[in-house]
Amino acid sequence: MGLLTLAIISGFAFLDNMFAQHLAHKTILSLAAWVIFATLLFSHHR
């Protein structure tokens, strides 16, 4: 999750458009995966 978070943040910071046509699917699904893992970690802890 730490690495995935770094990848998402650096993508938004350094790529021209993370929601461009050739990146939209990867961006949306990567964010969805991040939410799934974040939910799991939060629910495991709380």
All heavy atoms as atom14 arrays in JSON, in Angstrom:
{
  "sequence": "MGLLTLAIISGFAFLDNMFAQHLAHKTILSLAAWVIFATLLFSHHR",
  "atom14_mask": [
    [1, 1, 1, 1, 1, 1, 1, 1, 0, 0, 0, 0, 0, 0],
    [1, 1, 1, 1, 0, 0, 0, 0, 0, 0, 0, 0, 0, 0],
    [1, 1, 1, 1, 1, 1, 1, 1, 0, 0, 0, 0, 0, 0],
    [1, 1, 1, 1, 1, 1, 1, 1, 0, 0, 0, 0, 0, 0],
    [1, 1, 1, 1, 1, 1, 1, 0, 0, 0, 0, 0, 0, 0],
    [1, 1, 1, 1, 1, 1, 1, 1, 0, 0, 0, 0, 0, 0],
    [1, 1, 1, 1, 1, 0, 0, 0, 0, 0, 0, 0, 0, 0],
    [1, 1, 1, 1, 1, 1, 1, 1, 0, 0, 0, 0, 0, 0],
    [1, 1, 1, 1, 1, 1, 1, 1, 0, 0, 0, 0, 0, 0],
    [1, 1, 1, 1, 1, 1, 0, 0, 0, 0, 0, 0, 0, 0],
    [1, 1, 1, 1, 0, 0, 0, 0, 0, 0, 0, 0, 0, 0],
    [1, 1, 1, 1, 1, 1, 1, 1, 1, 1, 1, 0, 0, 0],
    [1, 1, 1, 1, 1, 0, 0, 0, 0, 0, 0, 0, 0, 0],
    [1, 1, 1, 1, 1, 1, 1, 1, 1, 1, 1, 0, 0, 0],
    [1, 1, 1, 1, 1, 1, 1, 1, 0, 0, 0, 0, 0, 0],
    [1, 1, 1, 1, 1, 1, 1, 1, 0, 0, 0, 0, 0, 0],
    [1, 1, 1, 1, 1, 1, 1, 1, 0, 0, 0, 0, 0, 0],
    [1, 1, 1, 1, 1, 1, 1, 1, 0, 0, 0, 0, 0, 0],
    [1, 1, 1, 1, 1, 1, 1, 1, 1, 1, 1, 0, 0, 0],
    [1, 1, 1, 1, 1, 0, 0, 0, 0, 0, 0, 0, 0, 0],
    [1, 1, 1, 1, 1, 1, 1, 1, 1, 0, 0, 0, 0, 0],
    [1, 1, 1, 1, 1, 1, 1, 1, 1, 1, 0, 0, 0, 0],
    [1, 1, 1, 1, 1, 1, 1, 1, 0, 0, 0, 0, 0, 0],
    [1, 1, 1, 1, 1, 0, 0, 0, 0, 0, 0, 0, 0, 0],
    [1, 1, 1, 1, 1, 1, 1, 1, 1, 1, 0, 0, 0, 0],
    [1, 1, 1, 1, 1, 1, 1, 1, 1, 0, 0, 0, 0, 0],
    [1, 1, 1, 1, 1, 1, 1, 0, 0, 0, 0, 0, 0, 0],
    [1, 1, 1, 1, 1, 1, 1, 1, 0, 0, 0, 0, 0, 0],
    [1, 1, 1, 1, 1, 1, 1, 1, 0, 0, 0, 0, 0, 0],
    [1, 1, 1, 1, 1, 1, 0, 0, 0, 0, 0, 0, 0, 0],
    [1, 1, 1, 1, 1, 1, 1, 1, 0, 0, 0, 0, 0, 0],
    [1, 1, 1, 1, 1, 0, 0, 0, 0, 0, 0, 0, 0, 0],
    [1, 1, 1, 1, 1, 0, 0, 0, 0, 0, 0, 0, 0, 0],
    [1, 1, 1, 1, 1, 1, 1, 1, 1, 1, 1, 1, 1, 1],
    [1, 1, 1, 1, 1, 1, 1, 0, 0, 0, 0, 0, 0, 0],
    [1, 1, 1, 1, 1, 1, 1, 1, 0, 0, 0, 0, 0, 0],
    [1, 1, 1, 1, 1, 1, 1, 1, 1, 1, 1, 0, 0, 0],
    [1, 1, 1, 1, 1, 0, 0, 0, 0, 0, 0, 0, 0, 0],
    [1, 1, 1, 1, 1, 1, 1, 0, 0, 0, 0, 0, 0, 0],
    [1, 1, 1, 1, 1, 1, 1, 1, 0, 0, 0, 0, 0, 0],
    [1, 1, 1, 1, 1, 1, 1, 1, 0, 0, 0, 0, 0, 0],
    [1, 1, 1, 1, 1, 1, 1, 1, 1, 1, 1, 0, 0, 0],
    [1, 1, 1, 1, 1, 1, 0, 0, 0, 0, 0, 0, 0, 0],
    [1, 1, 1, 1, 1, 1, 1, 1, 1, 1, 0, 0, 0, 0],
    [1, 1, 1, 1, 1, 1, 1, 1, 1, 1, 0, 0, 0, 0],
    [1, 1, 1, 1, 1, 1, 1, 1, 1, 1, 1, 0, 0, 0]
  ],
  "atom14_positions": [
    [[0.82, -1.21, 0.0], [0.0, 0.0, 0.0], [0.86, 1.26, 0.0], [0.52, 2.26, -0.65], [-0.92, -0.01, 1.21], [-2.26, -0.68, 0.97], [-3.3, 0.29, -0.15], [-3.77, 1.64, 0.94], [0.0, 0.0, 0.0], [0.0, 0.0, 0.0], [0.0, 0.0, 0.0], [0.0, 0.0, 0.0], [0.0, 0.0, 0.0], [0.0, 0.0, 0.0]],
    [[1.96, 1.24, 0.74], [2.85, 2.39, 0.73], [3.39, 2.68, -0.66], [3.41, 3.83, -1.11], [0.0, 0.0, 0.0], [0.0, 0.0, 0.0], [0.0, 0.0, 0.0], [0.0, 0.0, 0.0], [0.0, 0.0, 0.0], [0.0, 0.0, 0.0], [0.0, 0.0, 0.0], [0.0, 0.0, 0.0], [0.0, 0.0, 0.0], [0.0, 0.0, 0.0]],
    [[3.82, 1.62, -1.34], [4.34, 1.78, -2.69], [3.25, 2.18, -3.67], [3.47, 3.01, -4.57], [5.0, 0.48, -3.14], [6.31, 0.14, -2.42], [6.68, -1.33, -2.62], [7.44, 1.03, -2.95], [0.0, 0.0, 0.0], [0.0, 0.0, 0.0], [0.0, 0.0, 0.0], [0.0, 0.0, 0.0], [0.0, 0.0, 0.0], [0.0, 0.0, 0.0]],
    [[2.06, 1.59, -3.53], [0.94, 1.94, -4.41], [0.53, 3.39, -4.2], [0.23, 4.11, -5.18], [-0.25, 1.01, -4.13], [-1.49, 1.19, -4.99], [-1.17, 1.02, -6.47], [-2.6, 0.22, -4.57], [0.0, 0.0, 0.0], [0.0, 0.0, 0.0], [0.0, 0.0, 0.0], [0.0, 0.0, 0.0], [0.0, 0.0, 0.0], [0.0, 0.0, 0.0]],
    [[0.54, 3.85, -2.95], [0.22, 5.25, -2.67], [1.24, 6.18, -3.31], [0.88, 7.2, -3.92], [0.19, 5.49, -1.14], [-0.77, 4.62, -0.54], [-0.17, 6.93, -0.83], [0.0, 0.0, 0.0], [0.0, 0.0, 0.0], [0.0, 0.0, 0.0], [0.0, 0.0, 0.0], [0.0, 0.0, 0.0], [0.0, 0.0, 0.0], [0.0, 0.0, 0.0]],
    [[2.52, 5.83, -3.2], [3.58, 6.62, -3.84], [3.4, 6.64, -5.35], [3.57, 7.69, -5.99], [4.94, 6.04, -3.47], [6.16, 6.71, -4.11], [6.25, 8.17, -3.7], [7.44, 5.98, -3.72], [0.0, 0.0, 0.0], [0.0, 0.0, 0.0], [0.0, 0.0, 0.0], [0.0, 0.0, 0.0], [0.0, 0.0, 0.0], [0.0, 0.0, 0.0]],
    [[3.01, 5.5, -5.93], [2.81, 5.43, -7.38], [1.66, 6.33, -7.82], [1.76, 7.05, -8.83], [2.52, 3.99, -7.79], [0.0, 0.0, 0.0], [0.0, 0.0, 0.0], [0.0, 0.0, 0.0], [0.0, 0.0, 0.0], [0.0, 0.0, 0.0], [0.0, 0.0, 0.0], [0.0, 0.0, 0.0], [0.0, 0.0, 0.0], [0.0, 0.0, 0.0]],
    [[0.57, 6.33, -7.06], [-0.59, 7.15, -7.42], [-0.26, 8.63, -7.28], [-0.56, 9.45, -8.18], [-1.8, 6.76, -6.56], [-2.28, 5.35, -6.94], [-2.94, 7.77, -6.74], [-3.35, 4.79, -6.02], [0.0, 0.0, 0.0], [0.0, 0.0, 0.0], [0.0, 0.0, 0.0], [0.0, 0.0, 0.0], [0.0, 0.0, 0.0], [0.0, 0.0, 0.0]],
    [[0.37, 9.01, -6.16], [0.71, 10.43, -5.94], [1.7, 10.92, -6.99], [1.53, 12.0, -7.57], [1.29, 10.62, -4.52], [0.21, 10.36, -3.47], [1.87, 12.02, -4.36], [0.72, 10.38, -2.04], [0.0, 0.0, 0.0], [0.0, 0.0, 0.0], [0.0, 0.0, 0.0], [0.0, 0.0, 0.0], [0.0, 0.0, 0.0], [0.0, 0.0, 0.0]],
    [[2.75, 10.13, -7.27], [3.74, 10.54, -8.26], [3.13, 10.58, -9.66], [3.53, 11.4, -10.49], [4.95, 9.6, -8.24], [4.57, 8.26, -8.5], [0.0, 0.0, 0.0], [0.0, 0.0, 0.0], [0.0, 0.0, 0.0], [0.0, 0.0, 0.0], [0.0, 0.0, 0.0], [0.0, 0.0, 0.0], [0.0, 0.0, 0.0], [0.0, 0.0, 0.0]],
    [[2.16, 9.71, -9.91], [1.49, 9.73, -11.2], [0.73, 11.03, -11.42], [0.84, 11.67, -12.47], [0.0, 0.0, 0.0], [0.0, 0.0, 0.0], [0.0, 0.0, 0.0], [0.0, 0.0, 0.0], [0.0, 0.0, 0.0], [0.0, 0.0, 0.0], [0.0, 0.0, 0.0], [0.0, 0.0, 0.0], [0.0, 0.0, 0.0], [0.0, 0.0, 0.0]],
    [[-0.03, 11.45, -10.41], [-0.76, 12.71, -10.52], [0.2, 13.9, -10.56], [-0.1, 14.91, -11.2], [-1.73, 12.86, -9.34], [-3.02, 12.11, -9.51], [-3.29, 10.99, -8.74], [-3.96, 12.51, -10.45], [-4.47, 10.28, -8.9], [-5.15, 11.82, -10.62], [-5.41, 10.69, -9.85], [0.0, 0.0, 0.0], [0.0, 0.0, 0.0], [0.0, 0.0, 0.0]],
    [[1.35, 13.77, -9.9], [2.29, 14.89, -9.84], [3.11, 15.04, -11.12], [3.39, 16.16, -11.55], [3.23, 14.71, -8.64], [0.0, 0.0, 0.0], [0.0, 0.0, 0.0], [0.0, 0.0, 0.0], [0.0, 0.0, 0.0], [0.0, 0.0, 0.0], [0.0, 0.0, 0.0], [0.0, 0.0, 0.0], [0.0, 0.0, 0.0], [0.0, 0.0, 0.0]],
    [[3.49, 13.92, -11.74], [4.48, 13.99, -12.82], [3.94, 13.6, -14.2], [4.58, 13.91, -15.2], [5.68, 13.1, -12.48], [6.41, 13.55, -11.24], [6.39, 12.77, -10.09], [7.1, 14.74, -11.22], [7.06, 13.17, -8.94], [7.78, 15.16, -10.08], [7.75, 14.37, -8.94], [0.0, 0.0, 0.0], [0.0, 0.0, 0.0], [0.0, 0.0, 0.0]],
    [[2.82, 12.9, -14.27], [2.25, 12.58, -15.57], [1.33, 13.71, -16.01], [0.69, 14.36, -15.18], [1.49, 11.25, -15.53], [2.33, 10.0, -15.24], [1.46, 8.75, -15.25], [3.46, 9.85, -16.26], [0.0, 0.0, 0.0], [0.0, 0.0, 0.0], [0.0, 0.0, 0.0], [0.0, 0.0, 0.0], [0.0, 0.0, 0.0], [0.0, 0.0, 0.0]],
    [[1.26, 13.92, -17.32], [0.48, 15.06, -17.83], [-0.99, 14.95, -17.46], [-1.6, 15.92, -17.02], [0.63, 15.16, -19.35], [2.04, 15.55, -19.76], [2.73, 16.2, -18.93], [2.46, 15.21, -20.87], [0.0, 0.0, 0.0], [0.0, 0.0, 0.0], [0.0, 0.0, 0.0], [0.0, 0.0, 0.0], [0.0, 0.0, 0.0], [0.0, 0.0, 0.0]],
    [[-1.57, 13.78, -17.63], [-3.0, 13.6, -17.35], [-3.25, 12.15, -17.0], [-3.27, 11.29, -17.88], [-3.84, 14.03, -18.56], [-5.34, 13.94, -18.27], [-5.75, 13.6, -17.16], [-6.15, 14.26, -19.27], [0.0, 0.0, 0.0], [0.0, 0.0, 0.0], [0.0, 0.0, 0.0], [0.0, 0.0, 0.0], [0.0, 0.0, 0.0], [0.0, 0.0, 0.0]],
    [[-3.47, 11.86, -15.72], [-3.68, 10.48, -15.28], [-4.99, 9.91, -15.79], [-5.22, 8.71, -15.74], [-3.66, 10.42, -13.75], [-2.26, 10.46, -13.15], [-1.42, 8.88, -13.24], [-2.15, 8.03, -11.84], [0.0, 0.0, 0.0], [0.0, 0.0, 0.0], [0.0, 0.0, 0.0], [0.0, 0.0, 0.0], [0.0, 0.0, 0.0], [0.0, 0.0, 0.0]],
    [[-5.89, 10.79, -16.26], [-7.18, 10.32, -16.78], [-7.24, 10.46, -18.3], [-8.33, 10.48, -18.89], [-8.34, 11.08, -16.12], [-8.52, 10.73, -14.67], [-7.99, 11.54, -13.69], [-9.19, 9.58, -14.31], [-8.15, 11.22, -12.34], [-9.36, 9.24, -12.97], [-8.84, 10.06, -11.99], [0.0, 0.0, 0.0], [0.0, 0.0, 0.0], [0.0, 0.0, 0.0]],
    [[-6.07, 10.56, -18.95], [-6.04, 10.52, -20.41], [-6.55, 9.17, -20.89], [-6.58, 8.19, -20.14], [-4.61, 10.76, -20.91], [0.0, 0.0, 0.0], [0.0, 0.0, 0.0], [0.0, 0.0, 0.0], [0.0, 0.0, 0.0], [0.0, 0.0, 0.0], [0.0, 0.0, 0.0], [0.0, 0.0, 0.0], [0.0, 0.0, 0.0], [0.0, 0.0, 0.0]],
    [[-6.93, 9.1, -22.15], [-7.6, 7.91, -22.67], [-6.78, 6.64, -22.43], [-7.31, 5.61, -22.04], [-7.89, 8.08, -24.16], [-8.69, 6.92, -24.74], [-9.06, 7.15, -26.2], [-8.66, 8.14, -26.79], [-9.83, 6.25, -26.76], [0.0, 0.0, 0.0], [0.0, 0.0, 0.0], [0.0, 0.0, 0.0], [0.0, 0.0, 0.0], [0.0, 0.0, 0.0]],
    [[-5.44, 6.71, -22.62], [-4.63, 5.5, -22.51], [-4.29, 5.16, -21.06], [-3.73, 4.1, -20.79], [-3.34, 5.66, -23.33], [-2.43, 6.74, -22.82], [-2.77, 8.07, -22.83], [-1.18, 6.67, -22.28], [-1.79, 8.77, -22.33], [-0.81, 7.95, -21.98], [0.0, 0.0, 0.0], [0.0, 0.0, 0.0], [0.0, 0.0, 0.0], [0.0, 0.0, 0.0]],
    [[-4.61, 6.07, -20.12], [-4.31, 5.83, -18.71], [-5.55, 5.74, -17.83], [-5.45, 5.36, -16.66], [-3.41, 6.95, -18.16], [-1.98, 7.02, -18.68], [-1.29, 8.26, -18.14], [-1.2, 5.77, -18.28], [0.0, 0.0, 0.0], [0.0, 0.0, 0.0], [0.0, 0.0, 0.0], [0.0, 0.0, 0.0], [0.0, 0.0, 0.0], [0.0, 0.0, 0.0]],
    [[-6.71, 6.09, -18.38], [-7.92, 6.2, -17.55], [-8.26, 4.89, -16.85], [-8.55, 4.87, -15.65], [-9.1, 6.66, -18.41], [0.0, 0.0, 0.0], [0.0, 0.0, 0.0], [0.0, 0.0, 0.0], [0.0, 0.0, 0.0], [0.0, 0.0, 0.0], [0.0, 0.0, 0.0], [0.0, 0.0, 0.0], [0.0, 0.0, 0.0], [0.0, 0.0, 0.0]],
    [[-8.22, 3.77, -17.6], [-8.59, 2.49, -17.0], [-7.62, 2.12, -15.87], [-8.05, 1.7, -14.79], [-8.59, 1.38, -18.05], [-9.68, 1.52, -19.07], [-9.5, 2.24, -20.24], [-10.95, 1.06, -19.09], [-10.62, 2.2, -20.94], [-11.52, 1.5, -20.27], [0.0, 0.0, 0.0], [0.0, 0.0, 0.0], [0.0, 0.0, 0.0], [0.0, 0.0, 0.0]],
    [[-6.34, 2.3, -16.12], [-5.35, 1.97, -15.09], [-5.52, 2.85, -13.86], [-5.44, 2.37, -12.72], [-3.93, 2.12, -15.65], [-2.85, 1.79, -14.64], [-1.46, 1.99, -15.19], [-0.4, 1.72, -14.12], [0.97, 1.95, -14.6], [0.0, 0.0, 0.0], [0.0, 0.0, 0.0], [0.0, 0.0, 0.0], [0.0, 0.0, 0.0], [0.0, 0.0, 0.0]],
    [[-5.75, 4.14, -14.07], [-5.91, 5.06, -12.95], [-7.12, 4.72, -12.1], [-7.03, 4.61, -10.87], [-6.02, 6.51, -13.47], [-4.86, 6.84, -14.24], [-6.17, 7.48, -12.32], [0.0, 0.0, 0.0], [0.0, 0.0, 0.0], [0.0, 0.0, 0.0], [0.0, 0.0, 0.0], [0.0, 0.0, 0.0], [0.0, 0.0, 0.0], [0.0, 0.0, 0.0]],
    [[-8.26, 4.53, -12.76], [-9.5, 4.25, -12.02], [-9.41, 2.93, -11.27], [-9.77, 2.83, -10.09], [-10.69, 4.25, -13.0], [-10.93, 5.66, -13.55], [-11.96, 3.74, -12.3], [-11.91, 5.71, -14.7], [0.0, 0.0, 0.0], [0.0, 0.0, 0.0], [0.0, 0.0, 0.0], [0.0, 0.0, 0.0], [0.0, 0.0, 0.0], [0.0, 0.0, 0.0]],
    [[-8.87, 1.9, -11.93], [-8.78, 0.59, -11.28], [-7.71, 0.59, -10.19], [-7.88, -0.08, -9.16], [-8.48, -0.49, -12.32], [-9.64, -0.82, -13.27], [-9.17, -1.73, -14.4], [-10.79, -1.47, -12.51], [0.0, 0.0, 0.0], [0.0, 0.0, 0.0], [0.0, 0.0, 0.0], [0.0, 0.0, 0.0], [0.0, 0.0, 0.0], [0.0, 0.0, 0.0]],
    [[-6.62, 1.32, -10.38], [-5.6, 1.43, -9.33], [-6.18, 2.12, -8.1], [-5.91, 1.71, -6.95], [-4.37, 2.19, -9.83], [-3.74, 1.49, -10.88], [0.0, 0.0, 0.0], [0.0, 0.0, 0.0], [0.0, 0.0, 0.0], [0.0, 0.0, 0.0], [0.0, 0.0, 0.0], [0.0, 0.0, 0.0], [0.0, 0.0, 0.0], [0.0, 0.0, 0.0]],
    [[-6.96, 3.17, -8.31], [-7.61, 3.84, -7.19], [-8.61, 2.91, -6.5], [-8.72, 2.91, -5.27], [-8.31, 5.11, -7.68], [-7.39, 6.26, -8.1], [-8.2, 7.37, -8.78], [-6.64, 6.83, -6.9], [0.0, 0.0, 0.0], [0.0, 0.0, 0.0], [0.0, 0.0, 0.0], [0.0, 0.0, 0.0], [0.0, 0.0, 0.0], [0.0, 0.0, 0.0]],
    [[-9.33, 2.11, -7.3], [-10.27, 1.15, -6.72], [-9.55, 0.11, -5.87], [-9.99, -0.23, -4.76], [-11.07, 0.47, -7.83], [0.0, 0.0, 0.0], [0.0, 0.0, 0.0], [0.0, 0.0, 0.0], [0.0, 0.0, 0.0], [0.0, 0.0, 0.0], [0.0, 0.0, 0.0], [0.0, 0.0, 0.0], [0.0, 0.0, 0.0], [0.0, 0.0, 0.0]],
    [[-8.4, -0.39, -6.38], [-7.61, -1.34, -5.61], [-7.1, -0.7, -4.33], [-7.1, -1.33, -3.26], [-6.44, -1.86, -6.45], [0.0, 0.0, 0.0], [0.0, 0.0, 0.0], [0.0, 0.0, 0.0], [0.0, 0.0, 0.0], [0.0, 0.0, 0.0], [0.0, 0.0, 0.0], [0.0, 0.0, 0.0], [0.0, 0.0, 0.0], [0.0, 0.0, 0.0]],
    [[-6.66, 0.56, -4.41], [-6.18, 1.28, -3.22], [-7.29, 1.36, -2.17], [-7.05, 1.14, -0.98], [-5.72, 2.67, -3.61], [-5.03, 3.42, -2.52], [-3.68, 3.49, -2.29], [-5.64, 4.2, -1.48], [-3.41, 4.25, -1.19], [-4.59, 4.7, -0.66], [-6.96, 4.51, -1.15], [-4.84, 5.5, 0.46], [-7.2, 5.31, -0.04], [-6.16, 5.79, 0.75]],
    [[-8.5, 1.66, -2.61], [-9.64, 1.75, -1.68], [-9.92, 0.4, -1.03], [-10.18, 0.31, 0.18], [-10.9, 2.27, -2.42], [-12.14, 2.12, -1.54], [-10.71, 3.73, -2.83], [0.0, 0.0, 0.0], [0.0, 0.0, 0.0], [0.0, 0.0, 0.0], [0.0, 0.0, 0.0], [0.0, 0.0, 0.0], [0.0, 0.0, 0.0], [0.0, 0.0, 0.0]],
    [[-9.83, -0.68, -1.82], [-10.07, -2.02, -1.27], [-9.04, -2.36, -0.2], [-9.39, -2.8, 0.91], [-10.04, -3.07, -2.4], [-11.25, -2.9, -3.32], [-10.02, -4.49, -1.82], [-11.2, -3.76, -4.56], [0.0, 0.0, 0.0], [0.0, 0.0, 0.0], [0.0, 0.0, 0.0], [0.0, 0.0, 0.0], [0.0, 0.0, 0.0], [0.0, 0.0, 0.0]],
    [[-7.77, -2.13, -0.49], [-6.73, -2.45, 0.49], [-6.81, -1.52, 1.7], [-6.58, -1.96, 2.84], [-5.35, -2.37, -0.16], [-5.02, -3.52, -1.06], [-4.8, -3.33, -2.42], [-4.94, -4.81, -0.56], [-4.5, -4.4, -3.24], [-4.64, -5.88, -1.38], [-4.42, -5.68, -2.72], [0.0, 0.0, 0.0], [0.0, 0.0, 0.0], [0.0, 0.0, 0.0]],
    [[-7.12, -0.24, 1.46], [-7.25, 0.7, 2.58], [-8.41, 0.3, 3.49], [-8.3, 0.37, 4.73], [-7.45, 2.12, 2.06], [0.0, 0.0, 0.0], [0.0, 0.0, 0.0], [0.0, 0.0, 0.0], [0.0, 0.0, 0.0], [0.0, 0.0, 0.0], [0.0, 0.0, 0.0], [0.0, 0.0, 0.0], [0.0, 0.0, 0.0], [0.0, 0.0, 0.0]],
    [[-9.51, -0.12, 2.89], [-10.66, -0.59, 3.68], [-10.3, -1.81, 4.51], [-10.66, -1.91, 5.69], [-11.84, -0.92, 2.75], [-12.2, 0.24, 1.99], [-13.06, -1.39, 3.56], [0.0, 0.0, 0.0], [0.0, 0.0, 0.0], [0.0, 0.0, 0.0], [0.0, 0.0, 0.0], [0.0, 0.0, 0.0], [0.0, 0.0, 0.0], [0.0, 0.0, 0.0]],
    [[-9.56, -2.73, 3.9], [-9.14, -3.93, 4.62], [-8.24, -3.58, 5.79], [-8.43, -4.08, 6.92], [-8.41, -4.87, 3.65], [-7.73, -6.09, 4.28], [-8.72, -6.95, 5.05], [-7.02, -6.92, 3.21], [0.0, 0.0, 0.0], [0.0, 0.0, 0.0], [0.0, 0.0, 0.0], [0.0, 0.0, 0.0], [0.0, 0.0, 0.0], [0.0, 0.0, 0.0]],
    [[-7.25, -2.72, 5.58], [-6.34, -2.35, 6.65], [-7.06, -1.6, 7.78], [-6.82, -1.86, 8.97], [-5.2, -1.49, 6.1], [-4.22, -2.22, 5.17], [-3.23, -1.22, 4.56], [-3.48, -3.31, 5.9], [0.0, 0.0, 0.0], [0.0, 0.0, 0.0], [0.0, 0.0, 0.0], [0.0, 0.0, 0.0], [0.0, 0.0, 0.0], [0.0, 0.0, 0.0]],
    [[-7.94, -0.68, 7.41], [-8.7, 0.06, 8.42], [-9.61, -0.88, 9.21], [-9.67, -0.81, 10.45], [-9.54, 1.15, 7.74], [-10.46, 1.88, 8.69], [-9.98, 2.92, 9.47], [-11.8, 1.51, 8.81], [-10.82, 3.59, 10.35], [-12.64, 2.17, 9.69], [-12.14, 3.22, 10.47], [0.0, 0.0, 0.0], [0.0, 0.0, 0.0], [0.0, 0.0, 0.0]],
    [[-10.29, -1.77, 8.51], [-11.23, -2.68, 9.18], [-10.49, -3.71, 10.04], [-11.0, -4.14, 11.07], [-12.11, -3.38, 8.14], [-12.86, -2.43, 7.4], [0.0, 0.0, 0.0], [0.0, 0.0, 0.0], [0.0, 0.0, 0.0], [0.0, 0.0, 0.0], [0.0, 0.0, 0.0], [0.0, 0.0, 0.0], [0.0, 0.0, 0.0], [0.0, 0.0, 0.0]],
    [[-9.3, -4.1, 9.59], [-8.49, -5.02, 10.41], [-8.09, -4.33, 11.72], [-8.14, -4.95, 12.8], [-7.26, -5.45, 9.64], [-6.27, -6.24, 10.46], [-6.53, -7.51, 10.92], [-5.02, -5.92, 10.9], [-5.49, -7.96, 11.61], [-4.57, -7.01, 11.61], [0.0, 0.0, 0.0], [0.0, 0.0, 0.0], [0.0, 0.0, 0.0], [0.0, 0.0, 0.0]],
    [[-7.72, -3.05, 11.61], [-7.26, -2.32, 12.79], [-8.41, -1.96, 13.73], [-8.28, -2.1, 14.96], [-6.52, -1.05, 12.34], [-6.03, -0.22, 13.48], [-5.02, -0.62, 14.32], [-6.42, 1.02, 13.93], [-4.79, 0.32, 15.23], [-5.64, 1.31, 15.01], [0.0, 0.0, 0.0], [0.0, 0.0, 0.0], [0.0, 0.0, 0.0], [0.0, 0.0, 0.0]],
    [[-9.55, -1.53, 13.16], [-10.64, -1.03, 13.99], [-11.73, -2.07, 14.27], [-12.36, -2.04, 15.32], [-11.28, 0.2, 13.31], [-10.35, 1.38, 13.16], [-9.86, 1.9, 14.52], [-10.96, 2.37, 15.34], [-11.43, 3.6, 15.33], [-10.84, 4.52, 14.54], [-12.42, 3.97, 16.1], [0.0, 0.0, 0.0], [0.0, 0.0, 0.0], [0.0, 0.0, 0.0]]
  ]
}
